[in-house]
Amino acid sequence: MRHREVPALLDRTDPGLHGRPGLYLSSDQDPGGEHLMDFLPVIERLARERTCFVGMGNPLLGDDAVGLHVVDGIRERGRSDCVIALNVEDVIENHVCVIADGESDHVIIVDALQSGADAGSVIFGRLNEFDEIINNFSTHKLSLLLSGKMLEAHGKKVWLLGIEARDIEFGTGLSEEVRKSADIILDVLLSYINCDQKELLYEH
């Protein structure tokens, strides 16, 4: 995937996210965008460092499973000794000690949001910058906030990659908009996670 195929960052206008910290992109944007390179270097750096990707969500509740979809893709297709991919479903608190005791410097939690923004829209930034958004819009707000604070207390830098859900009804599967955004994010992450492996192959 070329960088310019990633949807452009969007200056949010909805009341739920406007003016909040972090970076935003929308699944219905045209390719390109002058702020795109503000987003990609952060993702690239984290994907190449010691990072644990944590997928949250209920696999039976439609778009609530989007975090599991992304992290499953990393686990199946990622090729890096620096990256760990762990799906915790909706019980991240049961895995906090394992994550905290691990060697990862960064923890990226991939989770669904319901803020009223366009389905498939994405936010990304440090978890502790998103307390208000998590309190109001996260589908797993209490366990996410508490677990994030525990991980930070153990020296981890915790990030949130939140994807706006359209439908979290039982048994519906991922919606088209959410799957599109999730697959774009997954392709970008994999391109960076696997980049070092490609460079090693080219050296031989």
C-alpha atoms as a PDB file:
ATOM      1  CA  MET A   1       0.000   0.000   0.000  1.00  0.00           C
ATOM      2  CA  ARG A   2       1.318   3.436  -0.917  1.00  0.00           C
ATOM      3  CA  HIS A   3       1.142   6.095   1.793  1.00  0.00           C
ATOM      4  CA  ARG A   4      -1.154   8.297  -0.270  1.00  0.00           C
ATOM      5  CA  GLU A   5      -3.791   5.550  -0.392  1.00  0.00           C
ATOM      6  CA  VAL A   6      -4.479   6.065   3.311  1.00  0.00           C
ATOM      7  CA  PRO A   7      -7.541   8.286   3.927  1.00  0.00           C
ATOM      8  CA  ALA A   8      -6.720  11.877   4.765  1.00  0.00           C
ATOM      9  CA  LEU A   9      -6.923  13.192   8.299  1.00  0.00           C
ATOM     10  CA  LEU A  10     -10.197  14.934   8.936  1.00  0.00           C
ATOM     11  CA  ASP A  11     -10.807  18.131  10.909  1.00  0.00           C
ATOM     12  CA  ARG A  12     -13.703  16.787  12.941  1.00  0.00           C
ATOM     13  CA  THR A  13     -16.869  18.873  13.119  1.00  0.00           C
ATOM     14  CA  ASP A  14     -19.052  16.563  15.225  1.00  0.00           C
ATOM     15  CA  PRO A  15     -19.616  17.741  18.834  1.00  0.00           C
ATOM     16  CA  GLY A  16     -18.227  14.550  20.330  1.00  0.00           C
ATOM     17  CA  LEU A  17     -14.673  14.804  18.997  1.00  0.00           C
ATOM     18  CA  HIS A  18     -14.099  18.378  17.833  1.00  0.00           C
ATOM     19  CA  GLY A  19     -11.250  20.071  19.652  1.00  0.00           C
ATOM     20  CA  ARG A  20     -10.030  16.906  21.344  1.00  0.00           C
ATOM     21  CA  PRO A  21      -6.345  15.905  21.273  1.00  0.00           C
ATOM     22  CA  GLY A  22      -5.020  13.241  18.954  1.00  0.00           C
ATOM     23  CA  LEU A  23      -5.259  12.533  15.254  1.00  0.00           C
ATOM     24  CA  TYR A  24      -8.378  11.818  13.249  1.00  0.00           C
ATOM     25  CA  LEU A  25      -9.084  10.220   9.896  1.00  0.00           C
ATOM     26  CA  SER A  26     -12.272   9.247   8.123  1.00  0.00           C
ATOM     27  CA  SER A  27     -13.005   6.213   5.975  1.00  0.00           C
ATOM     28  CA  ASP A  28     -14.817   8.306   3.341  1.00  0.00           C
ATOM     29  CA  GLN A  29     -12.023  10.831   2.707  1.00  0.00           C
ATOM     30  CA  ASP A  30     -10.270  11.172  -0.627  1.00  0.00           C
ATOM     31  CA  PRO A  31      -6.653   9.945  -0.651  1.00  0.00           C
ATOM     32  CA  GLY A  32      -3.942  12.341   0.383  1.00  0.00           C
ATOM     33  CA  GLY A  33      -4.117  15.278   2.757  1.00  0.00           C
ATOM     34  CA  GLU A  34      -1.493  17.697   3.994  1.00  0.00           C
ATOM     35  CA  HIS A  35      -1.623  16.373   7.581  1.00  0.00           C
ATOM     36  CA  LEU A  36      -1.240  12.728   6.638  1.00  0.00           C
ATOM     37  CA  MET A  37       2.476  12.666   7.359  1.00  0.00           C
ATOM     38  CA  ASP A  38       1.767  13.856  10.922  1.00  0.00           C
ATOM     39  CA  PHE A  39       0.020  10.534  11.474  1.00  0.00           C
ATOM     40  CA  LEU A  40       2.215   8.035   9.656  1.00  0.00           C
ATOM     41  CA  PRO A  41       5.588   8.683  11.350  1.00  0.00           C
ATOM     42  CA  VAL A  42       4.087   8.010  14.773  1.00  0.00           C
ATOM     43  CA  ILE A  43       2.539   4.761  13.576  1.00  0.00           C
ATOM     44  CA  GLU A  44       5.775   3.776  11.823  1.00  0.00           C
ATOM     45  CA  ARG A  45       7.915   4.438  14.890  1.00  0.00           C
ATOM     46  CA  LEU A  46       5.662   2.469  17.234  1.00  0.00           C
ATOM     47  CA  ALA A  47       5.298  -0.432  14.811  1.00  0.00           C
ATOM     48  CA  ARG A  48       9.101  -0.784  14.681  1.00  0.00           C
ATOM     49  CA  GLU A  49       9.674  -0.518  18.425  1.00  0.00           C
ATOM     50  CA  ARG A  50       8.822  -2.945  21.226  1.00  0.00           C
ATOM     51  CA  THR A  51       5.064  -2.655  21.042  1.00  0.00           C
ATOM     52  CA  CYS A  52       2.149  -4.757  22.215  1.00  0.00           C
ATOM     53  CA  PHE A  53      -1.013  -4.407  20.122  1.00  0.00           C
ATOM     54  CA  VAL A  54      -4.078  -5.205  22.222  1.00  0.00           C
ATOM     55  CA  GLY A  55      -7.405  -5.900  20.555  1.00  0.00           C
ATOM     56  CA  MET A  56     -10.554  -5.242  22.592  1.00  0.00           C
ATOM     57  CA  GLY A  57     -14.132  -6.125  21.735  1.00  0.00           C
ATOM     58  CA  ASN A  58     -16.883  -8.699  21.797  1.00  0.00           C
ATOM     59  CA  PRO A  59     -16.659 -10.985  18.744  1.00  0.00           C
ATOM     60  CA  LEU A  60     -20.444 -11.462  18.757  1.00  0.00           C
ATOM     61  CA  LEU A  61     -21.443  -7.780  18.756  1.00  0.00           C
ATOM     62  CA  GLY A  62     -20.949  -6.498  15.220  1.00  0.00           C
ATOM     63  CA  ASP A  63     -18.502  -3.593  14.942  1.00  0.00           C
ATOM     64  CA  ASP A  64     -17.501  -3.999  18.578  1.00  0.00           C
ATOM     65  CA  ALA A  65     -15.148  -6.688  17.257  1.00  0.00           C
ATOM     66  CA  VAL A  66     -13.143  -4.289  15.074  1.00  0.00           C
ATOM     67  CA  GLY A  67     -10.182  -4.248  17.467  1.00  0.00           C
ATOM     68  CA  LEU A  68     -10.064  -8.037  17.389  1.00  0.00           C
ATOM     69  CA  HIS A  69     -10.121  -7.959  13.579  1.00  0.00           C
ATOM     70  CA  VAL A  70      -7.113  -5.633  13.375  1.00  0.00           C
ATOM     71  CA  VAL A  71      -5.034  -7.427  15.990  1.00  0.00           C
ATOM     72  CA  ASP A  72      -5.868 -10.865  14.568  1.00  0.00           C
ATOM     73  CA  GLY A  73      -4.428  -9.626  11.277  1.00  0.00           C
ATOM     74  CA  ILE A  74      -1.236  -8.473  12.981  1.00  0.00           C
ATOM     75  CA  ARG A  75      -0.899 -11.793  14.801  1.00  0.00           C
ATOM     76  CA  GLU A  76      -1.413 -13.811  11.628  1.00  0.00           C
ATOM     77  CA  ARG A  77       0.624 -11.732   9.174  1.00  0.00           C
ATOM     78  CA  GLY A  78       3.107  -9.736  11.239  1.00  0.00           C
ATOM     79  CA  ARG A  79       6.745 -10.835  11.174  1.00  0.00           C
ATOM     80  CA  SER A  80       8.653  -9.006  13.877  1.00  0.00           C
ATOM     81  CA  ASP A  81      10.259 -10.120  17.117  1.00  0.00           C
ATOM     82  CA  CYS A  82       9.564  -6.664  18.563  1.00  0.00           C
ATOM     83  CA  VAL A  83       5.775  -6.805  18.189  1.00  0.00           C
ATOM     84  CA  ILE A  84       3.292  -8.747  20.292  1.00  0.00           C
ATOM     85  CA  ALA A  85      -0.368  -9.070  19.272  1.00  0.00           C
ATOM     86  CA  LEU A  86      -2.864 -10.001  21.966  1.00  0.00           C
ATOM     87  CA  ASN A  87      -6.654 -10.167  21.787  1.00  0.00           C
ATOM     88  CA  VAL A  88      -8.309  -9.713  25.185  1.00  0.00           C
ATOM     89  CA  GLU A  89     -11.939  -9.463  23.998  1.00  0.00           C
ATOM     90  CA  ASP A  90     -13.842  -7.450  26.640  1.00  0.00           C
ATOM     91  CA  VAL A  91     -11.764  -8.478  29.675  1.00  0.00           C
ATOM     92  CA  ILE A  92      -8.515  -6.545  29.335  1.00  0.00           C
ATOM     93  CA  GLU A  93      -8.268  -6.451  33.126  1.00  0.00           C
ATOM     94  CA  ASN A  94      -7.563 -10.194  33.088  1.00  0.00           C
ATOM     95  CA  HIS A  95      -4.458  -9.605  30.963  1.00  0.00           C
ATOM     96  CA  VAL A  96      -3.030  -6.437  32.521  1.00  0.00           C
ATOM     97  CA  CYS A  97      -0.412  -8.214  34.617  1.00  0.00           C
ATOM     98  CA  VAL A  98       0.895 -10.185  31.641  1.00  0.00           C
ATOM     99  CA  ILE A  99       1.124  -7.031  29.510  1.00  0.00           C
ATOM    100  CA  ALA A 100       2.668  -5.011  32.343  1.00  0.00           C
ATOM    101  CA  ASP A 101       5.337  -7.653  32.984  1.00  0.00           C
ATOM    102  CA  GLY A 102       6.192  -7.964  29.294  1.00  0.00           C
ATOM    103  CA  GLU A 103       9.118  -6.287  27.577  1.00  0.00           C
ATOM    104  CA  SER A 104       7.049  -3.972  25.371  1.00  0.00           C
ATOM    105  CA  ASP A 105       7.643  -0.254  25.841  1.00  0.00           C
ATOM    106  CA  HIS A 106       4.389   0.726  24.128  1.00  0.00           C
ATOM    107  CA  VAL A 107       0.861  -0.665  24.305  1.00  0.00           C
ATOM    108  CA  ILE A 108      -1.567   0.214  21.510  1.00  0.00           C
ATOM    109  CA  ILE A 109      -5.153  -0.645  22.403  1.00  0.00           C
ATOM    110  CA  VAL A 110      -7.408  -1.057  19.367  1.00  0.00           C
ATOM    111  CA  ASP A 111     -11.054  -0.635  20.330  1.00  0.00           C
ATOM    112  CA  ALA A 112     -14.463   0.428  19.051  1.00  0.00           C
ATOM    113  CA  LEU A 113     -16.023   3.805  19.853  1.00  0.00           C
ATOM    114  CA  GLN A 114     -19.595   5.084  19.626  1.00  0.00           C
ATOM    115  CA  SER A 115     -19.383   8.876  19.527  1.00  0.00           C
ATOM    116  CA  GLY A 116     -21.869   9.680  16.774  1.00  0.00           C
ATOM    117  CA  ALA A 117     -19.072  10.333  14.260  1.00  0.00           C
ATOM    118  CA  ASP A 118     -19.063   8.708  10.820  1.00  0.00           C
ATOM    119  CA  ALA A 119     -18.728   4.938  10.962  1.00  0.00           C
ATOM    120  CA  GLY A 120     -15.130   3.950  10.303  1.00  0.00           C
ATOM    121  CA  SER A 121     -13.646   7.232  11.539  1.00  0.00           C
ATOM    122  CA  VAL A 122     -10.474   6.738  13.547  1.00  0.00           C
ATOM    123  CA  ILE A 123      -8.803   8.499  16.463  1.00  0.00           C
ATOM    124  CA  PHE A 124      -5.254   7.879  17.581  1.00  0.00           C
ATOM    125  CA  GLY A 125      -3.199   9.259  20.435  1.00  0.00           C
ATOM    126  CA  ARG A 126      -2.038   8.690  24.007  1.00  0.00           C
ATOM    127  CA  LEU A 127      -4.741   7.002  26.035  1.00  0.00           C
ATOM    128  CA  ASN A 128      -4.440   9.495  28.889  1.00  0.00           C
ATOM    129  CA  GLU A 129      -5.385  12.305  26.494  1.00  0.00           C
ATOM    130  CA  PHE A 130      -8.720  10.663  25.744  1.00  0.00           C
ATOM    131  CA  ASP A 131     -10.269  10.309  29.216  1.00  0.00           C
ATOM    132  CA  GLU A 132     -13.368  12.310  28.299  1.00  0.00           C
ATOM    133  CA  ILE A 133     -13.870  10.477  25.011  1.00  0.00           C
ATOM    134  CA  ILE A 134     -13.466   7.104  26.710  1.00  0.00           C
ATOM    135  CA  ASN A 135     -15.875   8.040  29.500  1.00  0.00           C
ATOM    136  CA  ASN A 136     -18.509   9.137  27.012  1.00  0.00           C
ATOM    137  CA  PHE A 137     -17.992   6.978  23.943  1.00  0.00           C
ATOM    138  CA  SER A 138     -15.896   3.857  24.568  1.00  0.00           C
ATOM    139  CA  THR A 139     -17.754   0.555  24.554  1.00  0.00           C
ATOM    140  CA  HIS A 140     -15.458  -0.685  27.365  1.00  0.00           C
ATOM    141  CA  LYS A 141     -14.813   2.524  29.266  1.00  0.00           C
ATOM    142  CA  LEU A 142     -14.280   1.368  32.859  1.00  0.00           C
ATOM    143  CA  SER A 143     -11.950  -1.553  32.168  1.00  0.00           C
ATOM    144  CA  LEU A 144     -10.074   0.463  29.529  1.00  0.00           C
ATOM    145  CA  LEU A 145      -9.411   3.445  31.796  1.00  0.00           C
ATOM    146  CA  LEU A 146      -8.373   1.389  34.813  1.00  0.00           C
ATOM    147  CA  SER A 147      -6.169  -0.938  32.795  1.00  0.00           C
ATOM    148  CA  GLY A 148      -4.536   1.977  31.013  1.00  0.00           C
ATOM    149  CA  LYS A 149      -3.641   3.615  34.317  1.00  0.00           C
ATOM    150  CA  MET A 150      -2.192   0.369  35.650  1.00  0.00           C
ATOM    151  CA  LEU A 151      -0.047  -0.100  32.559  1.00  0.00           C
ATOM    152  CA  GLU A 152       1.190   3.506  32.721  1.00  0.00           C
ATOM    153  CA  ALA A 153       2.098   2.923  36.370  1.00  0.00           C
ATOM    154  CA  HIS A 154       4.311   0.048  35.191  1.00  0.00           C
ATOM    155  CA  GLY A 155       6.160   2.348  32.807  1.00  0.00           C
ATOM    156  CA  LYS A 156       4.282   1.507  29.614  1.00  0.00           C
ATOM    157  CA  LYS A 157       3.297   4.217  27.145  1.00  0.00           C
ATOM    158  CA  VAL A 158      -0.318   3.435  26.353  1.00  0.00           C
ATOM    159  CA  TRP A 159      -2.008   4.529  23.134  1.00  0.00           C
ATOM    160  CA  LEU A 160      -5.579   4.307  21.867  1.00  0.00           C
ATOM    161  CA  LEU A 161      -6.476   3.511  18.289  1.00  0.00           C
ATOM    162  CA  GLY A 162     -10.251   3.922  18.315  1.00  0.00           C
ATOM    163  CA  ILE A 163     -12.479   3.076  15.357  1.00  0.00           C
ATOM    164  CA  GLU A 164     -16.026   4.419  15.205  1.00  0.00           C
ATOM    165  CA  ALA A 165     -18.612   1.632  15.184  1.00  0.00           C
ATOM    166  CA  ARG A 166     -21.835   1.729  13.190  1.00  0.00           C
ATOM    167  CA  ASP A 167     -23.647  -1.262  14.654  1.00  0.00           C
ATOM    168  CA  ILE A 168     -22.928  -3.316  17.768  1.00  0.00           C
ATOM    169  CA  GLU A 169     -25.983  -5.542  17.551  1.00  0.00           C
ATOM    170  CA  PHE A 170     -25.640  -9.253  18.274  1.00  0.00           C
ATOM    171  CA  GLY A 171     -24.441 -11.394  15.384  1.00  0.00           C
ATOM    172  CA  THR A 172     -24.217  -8.720  12.682  1.00  0.00           C
ATOM    173  CA  GLY A 173     -20.485  -8.887  11.848  1.00  0.00           C
ATOM    174  CA  LEU A 174     -18.381  -5.882  10.833  1.00  0.00           C
ATOM    175  CA  SER A 175     -20.139  -3.233   8.763  1.00  0.00           C
ATOM    176  CA  GLU A 176     -18.692  -2.290   5.376  1.00  0.00           C
ATOM    177  CA  GLU A 177     -17.439   1.119   6.518  1.00  0.00           C
ATOM    178  CA  VAL A 178     -15.767  -0.215   9.630  1.00  0.00           C
ATOM    179  CA  ARG A 179     -14.166  -3.152   7.841  1.00  0.00           C
ATOM    180  CA  LYS A 180     -12.771  -0.778   5.200  1.00  0.00           C
ATOM    181  CA  SER A 181     -11.118   1.431   7.814  1.00  0.00           C
ATOM    182  CA  ALA A 182      -9.868  -1.556   9.783  1.00  0.00           C
ATOM    183  CA  ASP A 183      -8.271  -3.106   6.701  1.00  0.00           C
ATOM    184  CA  ILE A 184      -6.569   0.179   5.765  1.00  0.00           C
ATOM    185  CA  ILE A 185      -5.146   0.516   9.267  1.00  0.00           C
ATOM    186  CA  LEU A 186      -4.053  -3.125   9.265  1.00  0.00           C
ATOM    187  CA  ASP A 187      -2.281  -2.801   5.915  1.00  0.00           C
ATOM    188  CA  VAL A 188      -0.418   0.297   7.097  1.00  0.00           C
ATOM    189  CA  LEU A 189       0.618  -1.346  10.355  1.00  0.00           C
ATOM    190  CA  LEU A 190       1.803  -4.492   8.598  1.00  0.00           C
ATOM    191  CA  SER A 191       3.789  -2.501   6.050  1.00  0.00           C
ATOM    192  CA  TYR A 192       5.789  -0.992   8.921  1.00  0.00           C
ATOM    193  CA  ILE A 193       5.943  -4.076  11.145  1.00  0.00           C
ATOM    194  CA  ASN A 194       7.293  -6.191   8.288  1.00  0.00           C
ATOM    195  CA  CYS A 195       9.507  -3.493   6.764  1.00  0.00           C
ATOM    196  CA  ASP A 196      12.619  -4.453   8.735  1.00  0.00           C
ATOM    197  CA  GLN A 197      12.222  -8.057   7.623  1.00  0.00           C
ATOM    198  CA  LYS A 198      12.121  -6.969   3.975  1.00  0.00           C
ATOM    199  CA  GLU A 199      15.240  -4.866   4.443  1.00  0.00           C
ATOM    200  CA  LEU A 200      17.081  -7.887   5.869  1.00  0.00           C
ATOM    201  CA  LEU A 201      16.091  -9.954   2.838  1.00  0.00           C
ATOM    202  CA  TYR A 202      17.364  -7.276   0.469  1.00  0.00           C
ATOM    203  CA  GLU A 203      20.737  -7.235   2.249  1.00  0.00           C
ATOM    204  CA  HIS A 204      21.434 -10.931   1.463  1.00  0.00           C
END
